[in-house]
C-alpha atoms as a PDB file:
ATOM      1  CA  UNK A   1      98.775  94.350  87.975  1.00  0.00           C
ATOM      2  CA  UNK A   2      97.426  91.890  90.459  1.00  0.00           C
ATOM      3  CA  UNK A   3      93.940  90.570  91.268  1.00  0.00           C
ATOM      4  CA  UNK A   4      93.829  89.311  94.842  1.00  0.00           C
ATOM      5  CA  UNK A   5      90.904  87.260  96.071  1.00  0.00           C
ATOM      6  CA  UNK A   6      90.500  88.151  99.722  1.00  0.00           C
ATOM      7  CA  UNK A   7      87.948  85.538 100.639  1.00  0.00           C
ATOM      8  CA  UNK A   8      84.324  84.901  99.896  1.00  0.00           C
ATOM      9  CA  UNK A   9      83.064  87.917  98.062  1.00  0.00           C
ATOM     10  CA  UNK A  10      86.059  90.278  98.361  1.00  0.00           C
ATOM     11  CA  UNK A  11      88.772  91.114  95.852  1.00  0.00           C
ATOM     12  CA  UNK A  12      91.402  93.793  95.316  1.00  0.00           C
ATOM     13  CA  UNK A  13      92.803  95.007  92.025  1.00  0.00           C
ATOM     14  CA  UNK A  14      96.229  96.540  92.559  1.00  0.00           C
ATOM     15  CA  UNK A  15      98.248  98.264  89.897  1.00  0.00           C
ATOM     16  CA  UNK A  16     101.670  99.859  90.126  1.00  0.00           C
ATOM     17  CA  UNK A  17     101.963 102.603  87.567  1.00  0.00           C
ATOM     18  CA  UNK A  18     104.200 105.674  87.363  1.00  0.00           C
ATOM     19  CA  UNK A  19     105.817 104.823  90.736  1.00  0.00           C
ATOM     20  CA  UNK A  20     102.473 104.783  92.542  1.00  0.00           C
ATOM     21  CA  UNK A  21     100.411 101.792  93.583  1.00  0.00           C
ATOM     22  CA  UNK A  22      96.671 101.950  93.122  1.00  0.00           C
ATOM     23  CA  UNK A  23      94.300  99.611  94.961  1.00  0.00           C
ATOM     24  CA  UNK A  24      90.630  99.208  94.178  1.00  0.00           C
ATOM     25  CA  UNK A  25      88.360  96.937  96.200  1.00  0.00           C
ATOM     26  CA  UNK A  26      85.374  94.957  94.963  1.00  0.00           C
ATOM     27  CA  UNK A  27      82.732  93.116  96.925  1.00  0.00           C
ATOM     28  CA  UNK A  28      80.215  90.372  96.280  1.00  0.00           C
ATOM     29  CA  UNK A  29      77.591  93.100  95.710  1.00  0.00           C
ATOM     30  CA  UNK A  30      79.070  93.477  92.212  1.00  0.00           C
ATOM     31  CA  UNK A  31      80.156  89.909  91.434  1.00  0.00           C
ATOM     32  CA  UNK A  32      80.515  90.585  87.716  1.00  0.00           C
ATOM     33  CA  UNK A  33      83.347  93.102  88.179  1.00  0.00           C
ATOM     34  CA  UNK A  34      86.054  90.909  86.633  1.00  0.00           C
ATOM     35  CA  UNK A  35      83.814  90.031  83.689  1.00  0.00           C
ATOM     36  CA  UNK A  36      83.070  93.713  83.193  1.00  0.00           C
ATOM     37  CA  UNK A  37      86.764  94.536  83.381  1.00  0.00           C
ATOM     38  CA  UNK A  38      87.538  91.872  80.762  1.00  0.00           C
ATOM     39  CA  UNK A  39      84.802  93.262  78.507  1.00  0.00           C
ATOM     40  CA  UNK A  40      86.199  96.774  78.889  1.00  0.00           C
ATOM     41  CA  UNK A  41      89.720  95.684  77.999  1.00  0.00           C
ATOM     42  CA  UNK A  42      88.359  93.733  75.014  1.00  0.00           C
ATOM     43  CA  UNK A  43      86.480  96.852  73.900  1.00  0.00           C
ATOM     44  CA  UNK A  44      89.757  98.803  73.985  1.00  0.00           C
ATOM     45  CA  UNK A  45      91.404  96.118  71.857  1.00  0.00           C
ATOM     46  CA  UNK A  46      88.557  96.391  69.372  1.00  0.00           C
ATOM     47  CA  UNK A  47      89.064 100.154  69.069  1.00  0.00           C
ATOM     48  CA  UNK A  48      86.492 101.517  71.507  1.00  0.00           C
ATOM     49  CA  UNK A  49      87.286 105.110  72.479  1.00  0.00           C
ATOM     50  CA  UNK A  50      85.599 105.130  75.913  1.00  0.00           C
ATOM     51  CA  UNK A  51      84.521 102.548  78.467  1.00  0.00           C
ATOM     52  CA  UNK A  52      84.581 101.981  82.215  1.00  0.00           C
ATOM     53  CA  UNK A  53      84.410  99.285  84.871  1.00  0.00           C
ATOM     54  CA  UNK A  54      82.600  99.588  88.200  1.00  0.00           C
ATOM     55  CA  UNK A  55      83.928  98.149  91.454  1.00  0.00           C
ATOM     56  CA  UNK A  56      81.027  98.040  93.907  1.00  0.00           C
ATOM     57  CA  UNK A  57      81.814  98.255  97.615  1.00  0.00           C
ATOM     58  CA  UNK A  58      78.304  99.047  98.863  1.00  0.00           C
ATOM     59  CA  UNK A  59      77.227 101.739  99.077  1.00  0.00           C
ATOM     60  CA  UNK A  60      80.479 103.266  97.886  1.00  0.00           C
ATOM     61  CA  UNK A  61      82.395 102.174  94.853  1.00  0.00           C
ATOM     62  CA  UNK A  62      85.042 103.026  92.334  1.00  0.00           C
ATOM     63  CA  UNK A  63      84.846 103.466  88.609  1.00  0.00           C
ATOM     64  CA  UNK A  64      87.841 103.120  86.370  1.00  0.00           C
ATOM     65  CA  UNK A  65      87.312 105.133  83.191  1.00  0.00           C
ATOM     66  CA  UNK A  66      89.218 104.451  79.975  1.00  0.00           C
ATOM     67  CA  UNK A  67      89.475 106.906  77.095  1.00  0.00           C
ATOM     68  CA  UNK A  68      91.522 105.695  74.157  1.00  0.00           C
ATOM     69  CA  UNK A  69      93.044 107.635  71.283  1.00  0.00           C
ATOM     70  CA  UNK A  70      95.980 106.923  68.988  1.00  0.00           C
ATOM     71  CA  UNK A  71      97.205 103.761  70.742  1.00  0.00           C
ATOM     72  CA  UNK A  72      97.146 105.370  74.173  1.00  0.00           C
ATOM     73  CA  UNK A  73      94.641 104.992  76.960  1.00  0.00           C
ATOM     74  CA  UNK A  74      93.851 107.679  79.494  1.00  0.00           C
ATOM     75  CA  UNK A  75      92.874 105.953  82.752  1.00  0.00           C
ATOM     76  CA  UNK A  76      91.003 107.696  85.558  1.00  0.00           C
ATOM     77  CA  UNK A  77      90.241 106.016  88.884  1.00  0.00           C
ATOM     78  CA  UNK A  78      87.350 107.771  90.622  1.00  0.00           C
ATOM     79  CA  UNK A  79      85.877 106.890  94.023  1.00  0.00           C
ATOM     80  CA  UNK A  80      82.202 107.518  94.702  1.00  0.00           C
ATOM     81  CA  UNK A  81      80.761 107.791  98.202  1.00  0.00           C
ATOM     82  CA  UNK A  82      77.380 106.309  97.260  1.00  0.00           C
ATOM     83  CA  UNK A  83      76.733 104.571  93.946  1.00  0.00           C
ATOM     84  CA  UNK A  84      73.083 104.070  94.958  1.00  0.00           C
ATOM     85  CA  UNK A  85      72.426 107.813  94.644  1.00  0.00           C
ATOM     86  CA  UNK A  86      73.047 108.922  91.034  1.00  0.00           C
ATOM     87  CA  UNK A  87      72.054 112.504  91.864  1.00  0.00           C
ATOM     88  CA  UNK A  88      75.087 112.878  94.173  1.00  0.00           C
ATOM     89  CA  UNK A  89      77.659 110.782  92.317  1.00  0.00           C
ATOM     90  CA  UNK A  90      79.804 113.621  91.064  1.00  0.00           C
ATOM     91  CA  UNK A  91      79.350 115.964  94.011  1.00  0.00           C
ATOM     92  CA  UNK A  92      80.876 113.307  96.260  1.00  0.00           C
ATOM     93  CA  UNK A  93      83.371 111.903  93.741  1.00  0.00           C
ATOM     94  CA  UNK A  94      87.108 111.865  94.368  1.00  0.00           C
ATOM     95  CA  UNK A  95      89.728 111.466  91.647  1.00  0.00           C
ATOM     96  CA  UNK A  96      92.236 108.935  92.973  1.00  0.00           C
ATOM     97  CA  UNK A  97      94.561 108.709  89.999  1.00  0.00           C
ATOM     98  CA  UNK A  98      94.731 109.693  86.344  1.00  0.00           C
ATOM     99  CA  UNK A  99      97.337 109.023  83.720  1.00  0.00           C
ATOM    100  CA  UNK A 100      98.034 108.085  80.137  1.00  0.00           C
ATOM    101  CA  UNK A 101      99.918 105.036  78.889  1.00  0.00           C
ATOM    102  CA  UNK A 102     100.202 102.894  75.765  1.00  0.00           C
ATOM    103  CA  UNK A 103      97.084 100.767  75.318  1.00  0.00           C
ATOM    104  CA  UNK A 104      99.180  97.712  74.487  1.00  0.00           C
ATOM    105  CA  UNK A 105     101.128  98.012  77.744  1.00  0.00           C
ATOM    106  CA  UNK A 106      97.921  98.245  79.768  1.00  0.00           C
ATOM    107  CA  UNK A 107      96.338  95.308  77.929  1.00  0.00           C
ATOM    108  CA  UNK A 108      99.502  93.211  78.284  1.00  0.00           C
ATOM    109  CA  UNK A 109      99.570  93.816  82.045  1.00  0.00           C
ATOM    110  CA  UNK A 110      95.891  92.939  82.305  1.00  0.00           C
ATOM    111  CA  UNK A 111      96.327  89.702  80.343  1.00  0.00           C
ATOM    112  CA  UNK A 112      99.289  88.704  82.529  1.00  0.00           C
ATOM    113  CA  UNK A 113      97.207  89.453  85.637  1.00  0.00           C
ATOM    114  CA  UNK A 114      94.415  87.105  84.546  1.00  0.00           C
ATOM    115  CA  UNK A 115      96.884  84.355  83.637  1.00  0.00           C
ATOM    116  CA  UNK A 116      98.492  84.717  87.075  1.00  0.00           C
ATOM    117  CA  UNK A 117      95.070  84.580  88.748  1.00  0.00           C
ATOM    118  CA  UNK A 118      94.193  81.380  86.907  1.00  0.00           C
ATOM    119  CA  UNK A 119      97.595  79.870  87.616  1.00  0.00           C
ATOM    120  CA  UNK A 120      97.219  80.608  91.316  1.00  0.00           C
ATOM    121  CA  UNK A 121      93.575  79.580  91.808  1.00  0.00           C
ATOM    122  CA  UNK A 122      92.181  77.939  88.675  1.00  0.00           C
ATOM    123  CA  UNK A 123      88.488  78.327  87.954  1.00  0.00           C
ATOM    124  CA  UNK A 124      87.475  76.101  90.884  1.00  0.00           C
ATOM    125  CA  UNK A 125      89.632  78.010  93.350  1.00  0.00           C
ATOM    126  CA  UNK A 126      88.297  81.291  91.980  1.00  0.00           C
ATOM    127  CA  UNK A 127      84.731  80.117  92.635  1.00  0.00           C
ATOM    128  CA  UNK A 128      85.615  78.982  96.168  1.00  0.00           C
ATOM    129  CA  UNK A 129      87.398  82.246  97.038  1.00  0.00           C
ATOM    130  CA  UNK A 130      85.123  84.703  95.228  1.00  0.00           C
ATOM    131  CA  UNK A 131      81.829  82.864  95.629  1.00  0.00           C
ATOM    132  CA  UNK A 132      80.940  83.160  91.926  1.00  0.00           C
ATOM    133  CA  UNK A 133      82.057  81.477  88.716  1.00  0.00           C
ATOM    134  CA  UNK A 134      85.143  82.665  86.854  1.00  0.00           C
ATOM    135  CA  UNK A 135      84.013  84.588  83.726  1.00  0.00           C
ATOM    136  CA  UNK A 136      85.093  81.940  81.226  1.00  0.00           C
ATOM    137  CA  UNK A 137      83.173  83.340  78.242  1.00  0.00           C
ATOM    138  CA  UNK A 138      84.513  86.857  78.751  1.00  0.00           C
ATOM    139  CA  UNK A 139      88.057  85.530  79.148  1.00  0.00           C
ATOM    140  CA  UNK A 140      87.763  83.522  75.923  1.00  0.00           C
ATOM    141  CA  UNK A 141      86.447  86.569  74.048  1.00  0.00           C
ATOM    142  CA  UNK A 142      89.283  88.716  75.406  1.00  0.00           C
ATOM    143  CA  UNK A 143      91.903  86.131  74.435  1.00  0.00           C
ATOM    144  CA  UNK A 144      90.453  85.958  70.916  1.00  0.00           C
ATOM    145  CA  UNK A 145      90.545  89.754  70.555  1.00  0.00           C
ATOM    146  CA  UNK A 146      94.089  89.885  71.924  1.00  0.00           C
ATOM    147  CA  UNK A 147      95.442  87.136  69.678  1.00  0.00           C
ATOM    148  CA  UNK A 148      93.939  88.717  66.558  1.00  0.00           C
ATOM    149  CA  UNK A 149      96.008  91.894  66.990  1.00  0.00           C
END
């Protein structure tokens, strides 16, 4: 997994899984995307059976859905043509990727991704590149949940 800051207000989450690389883009329209992602991963660690994270790329966007059962997580990446129109979300939705993997493997990759991001940019560099503060509180909560496993 990799979180690439593309400049003020743009980021890309890339993930190589099952010999395929997935890329999901986020824009400044949804600046809390990384915080939401951290909260979703923390929820999985705490035993949540279903959660999702939204990557806004106005008006389109992508949602990554997580369904967890018996130490595995089923991940679905779904693109939506217009997240501003709830009535047409599913009629215009496109499944990009779906697959199942061990929850611990997914969480471990996510944790490594955030550590790499901080090593590369630090919180100040993150703010300069993304335009918003690094989600320090969410990261601390995720680290606490991860270390208590």
